Amino acid sequence: MRKTDSFDGLAEFLAIAKRLSVRKAALDLGMTPGAVSLALQQLEQRLGVLLFHRTTRKMSLTEPGQQLLERIQPAAQAITSSFEDIAQSSQKPSGTLKLIVERLAIPHVIEPLLLAFRQAWPNLNIDITVSNRHENFISEGYDAGIMIGSYIEQDMIAIRLSPPFKWAVFGSPEYFSKHGKPNVISDLALHECIRFRRPEKGDIYLWEFINNKELIRIEPTGLITVNDGELMRSLAVKGMGLIYSSTFHTSHELANGTLEAAPLDFSPGHDGLFLYFSKASRNQPKLRAFIDVCSKIIKN
């Protein structure tokens, strides 16, 4: 006689609890209703309690049945997810990789990576949407996104794609020659600042500083407001005011000397561009293929 396993009857119990019907549970499991009913009865006999109230018309969980469901359902979901992950990991990448990326990522990440990715996976489709609005990332069916790390939701998995960069106040040499450089946060009130209206939210982007371990956010004052980063930097290069940006956004202007950082040593930590995705998507073969290419290009 076969020794009883601790897991005997649990699959049938979960299926019945989900459907509250032996017949429907049997259809889900590909079993006969009699076999499902017998498995439930044997489980109840082993536990010494009734797990369901049964009438001719319906079933409902008893108190012990509800307690058992609450305890084993999370574990069952974790096991199912693990099986799905293993199954996905053995598959060859196929289909379409759908990405949403902010515009900053185009020259710094997408253009360097795309050729290598196409060479590695010539039969894998890739669909790229350029947008700074990522709030509907999951509902719109994207597999992954690329954006600045500080904007990514905490429940996402994130992989760094760029060197760390800092946020600071920038101006042209001509502007600083004419108006001087702000040395402390309060000096900014004396300067013309170019304000940035975030396209995705419509609000004015606040300038952030760390002073004595305290985060300070200020709304800059100025006569010019724009909602495009390239235009904002172009105006700053022409000497029309100060901007708040990152050393990554302004890397080209810093390299050719058309912008300089103000000597404000209060800018917040090190940020970066990150590839991000949900935990449910992490083992998709097409996404893993993209991550592998990212890792090779970044290391080189």
Protein backbone atom coordinates (compact mmCIF):
# COMPACT_ATOMS: atom_id res chain seq x y z
CA MET A 1 0.00 0.00 0.00
CA ARG A 2 1.39 3.43 -0.96
CA LYS A 3 2.50 5.58 1.93
CA THR A 4 0.43 8.75 2.23
CA ASP A 5 2.25 11.88 1.09
CA SER A 6 1.79 15.14 3.02
CA PHE A 7 0.83 16.86 -0.23
CA ASP A 8 -1.85 14.33 -1.20
CA GLY A 9 -5.15 16.08 -1.81
CA LEU A 10 -3.80 19.63 -1.61
CA ALA A 11 -4.05 20.29 -5.36
CA GLU A 12 -7.64 19.06 -5.32
CA PHE A 13 -8.39 21.15 -2.21
CA LEU A 14 -7.01 24.32 -3.84
CA ALA A 15 -8.93 23.69 -7.06
CA ILE A 16 -12.20 23.17 -5.18
CA ALA A 17 -11.56 26.24 -2.99
CA LYS A 18 -11.05 28.31 -6.15
CA ARG A 19 -14.18 27.05 -7.90
CA LEU A 20 -16.34 26.00 -4.91
CA SER A 21 -17.40 23.11 -7.10
CA VAL A 22 -16.05 19.57 -7.35
CA ARG A 23 -17.19 19.31 -10.97
CA LYS A 24 -15.47 22.53 -12.07
CA ALA A 25 -12.35 21.64 -10.09
CA ALA A 26 -12.25 18.28 -11.87
CA LEU A 27 -12.39 20.04 -15.25
CA ASP A 28 -9.50 22.32 -14.23
CA LEU A 29 -7.40 19.37 -13.06
CA GLY A 30 -8.31 17.02 -15.92
CA MET A 31 -9.70 14.46 -13.47
CA THR A 32 -13.05 12.83 -12.88
CA PRO A 33 -15.33 14.40 -10.27
CA GLY A 34 -15.24 11.11 -8.36
CA ALA A 35 -11.46 11.15 -8.13
CA VAL A 36 -11.44 14.76 -6.93
CA SER A 37 -14.15 14.07 -4.36
CA LEU A 38 -12.27 11.01 -3.07
CA ALA A 39 -9.00 12.97 -2.74
CA LEU A 40 -10.82 15.63 -0.71
CA GLN A 41 -12.43 13.05 1.56
CA GLN A 42 -9.09 11.35 2.22
CA LEU A 43 -7.49 14.73 3.04
CA GLU A 44 -10.30 15.56 5.48
CA GLN A 45 -9.96 12.13 7.12
CA ARG A 46 -6.21 12.66 7.49
CA LEU A 47 -6.69 16.09 9.06
CA GLY A 48 -9.70 15.05 11.14
CA VAL A 49 -11.78 18.08 10.10
CA LEU A 50 -14.29 19.03 7.42
CA LEU A 51 -12.85 21.56 4.99
CA PHE A 52 -16.07 22.40 3.14
CA HIS A 53 -19.73 22.78 3.92
CA ARG A 54 -21.62 20.78 1.29
CA THR A 55 -25.22 21.12 0.16
CA THR A 56 -26.91 19.92 -3.00
CA ARG A 57 -26.55 23.38 -4.51
CA LYS A 58 -23.26 24.83 -3.28
CA MET A 59 -20.04 24.43 -1.33
CA SER A 60 -18.35 26.83 1.06
CA LEU A 61 -15.21 26.70 3.16
CA THR A 62 -15.46 25.81 6.82
CA GLU A 63 -13.36 27.77 9.32
CA PRO A 64 -10.58 25.11 9.28
CA GLY A 65 -10.81 25.07 5.48
CA GLN A 66 -10.36 28.84 5.31
CA GLN A 67 -7.39 28.64 7.69
CA LEU A 68 -5.76 25.94 5.59
CA LEU A 69 -6.32 27.93 2.39
CA GLU A 70 -4.77 31.10 3.84
CA ARG A 71 -1.68 29.16 4.92
CA ILE A 72 -0.96 27.09 1.83
CA GLN A 73 -2.17 29.33 -1.00
CA PRO A 74 0.89 31.67 -0.94
CA ALA A 75 3.21 28.65 -1.00
CA ALA A 76 1.23 27.08 -3.83
CA GLN A 77 1.46 30.31 -5.85
CA ALA A 78 5.22 30.46 -5.22
CA ILE A 79 5.64 26.86 -6.38
CA THR A 80 3.56 27.51 -9.51
CA SER A 81 5.59 30.63 -10.26
CA SER A 82 8.83 28.68 -9.83
CA PHE A 83 7.65 26.02 -12.28
CA GLU A 84 6.72 28.71 -14.80
CA ASP A 85 10.11 30.41 -14.37
CA ILE A 86 11.95 27.14 -14.96
CA ALA A 87 9.82 26.39 -18.01
CA GLN A 88 10.44 29.86 -19.43
CA SER A 89 14.18 29.69 -18.75
CA SER A 90 14.48 26.63 -20.98
CA GLN A 91 12.77 28.28 -23.93
CA LYS A 92 14.47 30.01 -26.84
CA PRO A 93 13.83 33.77 -27.08
CA SER A 94 10.98 34.48 -29.49
CA GLY A 95 8.21 36.95 -30.22
CA THR A 96 8.50 40.72 -29.70
CA LEU A 97 10.43 42.48 -26.95
CA LYS A 98 8.43 45.61 -26.15
CA LEU A 99 10.41 48.42 -24.49
CA ILE A 100 9.50 51.91 -23.31
CA VAL A 101 12.50 54.21 -22.92
CA GLU A 102 12.97 57.83 -22.01
CA ARG A 103 14.56 60.02 -24.64
CA LEU A 104 17.84 60.34 -22.74
CA ALA A 105 18.41 56.60 -23.24
CA ILE A 106 18.40 56.83 -27.06
CA PRO A 107 21.97 58.06 -27.68
CA HIS A 108 23.49 56.64 -24.51
CA VAL A 109 21.92 53.16 -24.38
CA ILE A 110 19.60 52.18 -27.24
CA GLU A 111 21.80 53.19 -30.16
CA PRO A 112 24.95 51.45 -28.78
CA LEU A 113 22.98 48.32 -27.76
CA LEU A 114 20.55 47.86 -30.63
CA LEU A 115 23.06 46.76 -33.28
CA ALA A 116 24.63 44.20 -30.95
CA PHE A 117 21.19 42.90 -29.94
CA ARG A 118 20.05 42.52 -33.55
CA GLN A 119 23.26 40.69 -34.42
CA ALA A 120 22.86 38.32 -31.47
CA TRP A 121 19.13 37.67 -32.05
CA PRO A 122 18.31 38.44 -35.70
CA ASN A 123 14.90 36.71 -35.57
CA LEU A 124 13.66 38.42 -32.40
CA ASN A 125 11.39 41.45 -32.95
CA ILE A 126 11.90 44.58 -30.87
CA ASP A 127 9.32 47.36 -30.44
CA ILE A 128 10.64 50.58 -28.84
CA THR A 129 8.45 53.42 -27.62
CA VAL A 130 10.23 56.66 -26.73
CA SER A 131 8.36 58.39 -23.91
CA ASN A 132 8.94 59.91 -20.49
CA ARG A 133 5.51 58.70 -19.34
CA HIS A 134 5.96 55.27 -17.78
CA GLU A 135 3.13 55.20 -15.25
CA ASN A 136 1.10 52.67 -17.30
CA PHE A 137 4.12 50.45 -17.92
CA ILE A 138 2.45 47.14 -17.00
CA SER A 139 -1.08 47.80 -18.26
CA GLU A 140 0.24 48.84 -21.68
CA GLY A 141 2.06 45.53 -22.06
CA TYR A 142 5.72 46.56 -21.97
CA ASP A 143 8.27 43.89 -21.11
CA ALA A 144 10.78 46.40 -19.73
CA GLY A 145 11.60 50.09 -19.58
CA ILE A 146 14.65 52.31 -19.37
CA MET A 147 14.63 55.46 -17.27
CA ILE A 148 16.45 57.34 -14.51
CA GLY A 149 16.68 55.21 -11.39
CA SER A 150 15.14 57.66 -8.95
CA TYR A 151 11.87 57.57 -10.91
CA ILE A 152 11.48 53.76 -10.92
CA GLU A 153 8.89 52.18 -8.64
CA GLN A 154 10.41 50.27 -5.74
CA ASP A 155 8.67 46.98 -6.57
CA MET A 156 10.52 46.75 -9.90
CA ILE A 157 13.79 44.95 -10.59
CA ALA A 158 16.39 47.43 -11.90
CA ILE A 159 19.73 46.90 -13.67
CA ARG A 160 22.17 49.81 -14.08
CA LEU A 161 22.92 50.75 -17.69
CA SER A 162 25.00 53.90 -17.23
CA PRO A 163 27.81 55.17 -15.04
CA PRO A 164 26.63 57.03 -11.91
CA PHE A 165 25.91 60.71 -12.39
CA LYS A 166 25.13 63.65 -10.14
CA TRP A 167 22.55 66.42 -10.31
CA ALA A 168 23.79 70.00 -10.25
CA VAL A 169 23.19 73.58 -11.37
CA PHE A 170 24.70 74.49 -14.75
CA GLY A 171 25.28 77.66 -16.70
CA SER A 172 27.34 78.91 -19.62
CA PRO A 173 30.78 80.50 -19.11
CA GLU A 174 29.31 83.75 -20.48
CA TYR A 175 26.47 83.71 -17.96
CA PHE A 176 28.83 83.07 -15.04
CA SER A 177 31.21 85.75 -16.27
CA LYS A 178 28.40 88.29 -16.31
CA HIS A 179 26.38 87.25 -13.23
CA GLY A 180 28.81 85.24 -11.10
CA LYS A 181 28.34 81.72 -9.80
CA PRO A 182 25.96 80.74 -6.97
CA ASN A 183 27.96 79.28 -4.09
CA VAL A 184 25.13 78.47 -1.67
CA ILE A 185 21.49 77.56 -2.19
CA SER A 186 20.20 81.00 -1.19
CA ASP A 187 22.24 82.58 -4.01
CA LEU A 188 19.89 81.04 -6.57
CA ALA A 189 17.23 83.63 -5.74
CA LEU A 190 19.53 86.23 -7.30
CA HIS A 191 19.83 84.40 -10.62
CA GLU A 192 17.67 83.82 -13.68
CA CYS A 193 16.67 80.16 -13.69
CA ILE A 194 15.16 78.23 -16.59
CA ARG A 195 12.28 76.20 -15.26
CA PHE A 196 11.40 72.73 -16.52
CA ARG A 197 7.79 71.58 -16.74
CA ARG A 198 7.64 67.79 -16.66
CA PRO A 199 5.69 66.56 -19.71
CA GLU A 200 4.46 63.45 -17.90
CA LYS A 201 2.99 65.33 -14.93
CA GLY A 202 2.67 68.96 -16.00
CA ASP A 203 4.31 70.30 -12.83
CA ILE A 204 7.48 72.35 -12.40
CA TYR A 205 10.49 70.17 -11.62
CA LEU A 206 11.87 71.07 -8.20
CA TRP A 207 15.59 71.54 -7.73
CA GLU A 208 16.89 69.18 -5.03
CA PHE A 209 19.85 69.69 -2.71
CA ILE A 210 21.28 67.98 0.36
CA ASN A 211 22.22 70.35 3.19
CA ASN A 212 23.33 68.94 6.54
CA LYS A 213 21.85 65.56 5.54
CA GLU A 214 18.46 67.22 4.91
CA LEU A 215 16.79 67.07 1.51
CA ILE A 216 15.79 70.54 0.32
CA ARG A 217 13.50 71.08 -2.67
CA ILE A 218 13.05 74.54 -4.17
CA GLU A 219 10.95 75.79 -7.06
CA PRO A 220 13.26 77.96 -9.18
CA THR A 221 12.26 81.46 -10.18
CA GLY A 222 12.61 82.59 -13.77
CA LEU A 223 10.83 84.05 -16.78
CA ILE A 224 11.34 81.03 -19.04
CA THR A 225 9.62 77.66 -18.62
CA VAL A 226 10.08 74.77 -21.06
CA ASN A 227 9.02 71.13 -21.20
CA ASP A 228 11.90 69.82 -23.32
CA GLY A 229 15.34 68.96 -21.92
CA GLU A 230 17.23 69.65 -25.14
CA LEU A 231 15.67 73.10 -25.45
CA MET A 232 16.46 73.80 -21.80
CA ARG A 233 20.15 72.96 -22.29
CA SER A 234 20.29 74.94 -25.54
CA LEU A 235 18.96 78.05 -23.81
CA ALA A 236 21.50 77.63 -21.01
CA VAL A 237 24.32 77.34 -23.56
CA LYS A 238 23.15 80.68 -25.02
CA GLY A 239 23.56 82.28 -21.60
CA MET A 240 19.85 82.79 -20.93
CA GLY A 241 19.88 81.34 -17.43
CA LEU A 242 20.81 78.54 -15.07
CA ILE A 243 19.42 75.02 -15.33
CA TYR A 244 19.19 72.05 -12.99
CA SER A 245 20.27 68.88 -14.72
CA SER A 246 22.63 65.93 -14.40
CA THR A 247 26.22 65.43 -15.43
CA PHE A 248 24.89 62.69 -17.74
CA HIS A 249 22.33 64.88 -19.52
CA THR A 250 24.90 67.64 -19.96
CA SER A 251 27.91 65.41 -20.75
CA HIS A 252 28.24 66.76 -24.32
CA GLU A 253 28.08 70.40 -23.23
CA LEU A 254 30.49 69.81 -20.36
CA ALA A 255 32.94 68.12 -22.73
CA ASN A 256 32.95 71.01 -25.23
CA GLY A 257 32.95 73.69 -22.52
CA THR A 258 29.63 75.30 -23.39
CA LEU A 259 28.25 74.56 -19.90
CA GLU A 260 29.88 74.52 -16.47
CA ALA A 261 28.67 73.30 -13.11
CA ALA A 262 28.13 75.84 -10.36
CA PRO A 263 30.25 75.26 -7.22
CA LEU A 264 27.22 74.18 -5.19
CA ASP A 265 28.40 71.10 -3.30
CA PHE A 266 24.92 70.09 -2.21
CA SER A 267 23.66 67.98 -5.10
CA PRO A 268 22.01 64.65 -4.18
CA GLY A 269 23.71 61.22 -4.58
CA HIS A 270 24.56 59.26 -7.66
CA ASP A 271 21.78 58.40 -10.09
CA GLY A 272 21.84 56.57 -13.42
CA LEU A 273 19.90 55.04 -16.28
CA PHE A 274 18.42 51.64 -15.46
CA LEU A 275 16.66 48.86 -17.27
CA TYR A 276 13.66 47.93 -15.13
CA PHE A 277 10.99 45.23 -15.26
CA SER A 278 8.51 43.44 -13.02
CA LYS A 279 9.32 40.29 -11.06
CA ALA A 280 6.79 38.41 -13.16
CA SER A 281 8.76 39.25 -16.35
CA ARG A 282 12.25 38.54 -15.08
CA ASN A 283 12.60 35.07 -16.65
CA GLN A 284 11.16 35.79 -20.08
CA PRO A 285 13.72 34.40 -22.56
CA LYS A 286 13.45 37.47 -24.81
CA LEU A 287 14.10 39.80 -21.86
CA ARG A 288 16.97 37.68 -20.56
CA ALA A 289 18.50 37.83 -24.04
CA PHE A 290 18.37 41.63 -23.95
CA ILE A 291 19.83 41.72 -20.42
CA ASP A 292 22.72 39.49 -21.54
CA VAL A 293 23.55 41.86 -24.41
CA CYS A 294 23.30 44.85 -22.06
CA SER A 295 25.73 43.22 -19.64
CA LYS A 296 28.31 42.50 -22.35
CA ILE A 297 28.16 45.99 -23.89
CA ILE A 298 28.29 47.75 -20.51
CA LYS A 299 31.29 45.72 -19.34
CA ASN A 300 33.13 46.59 -22.54
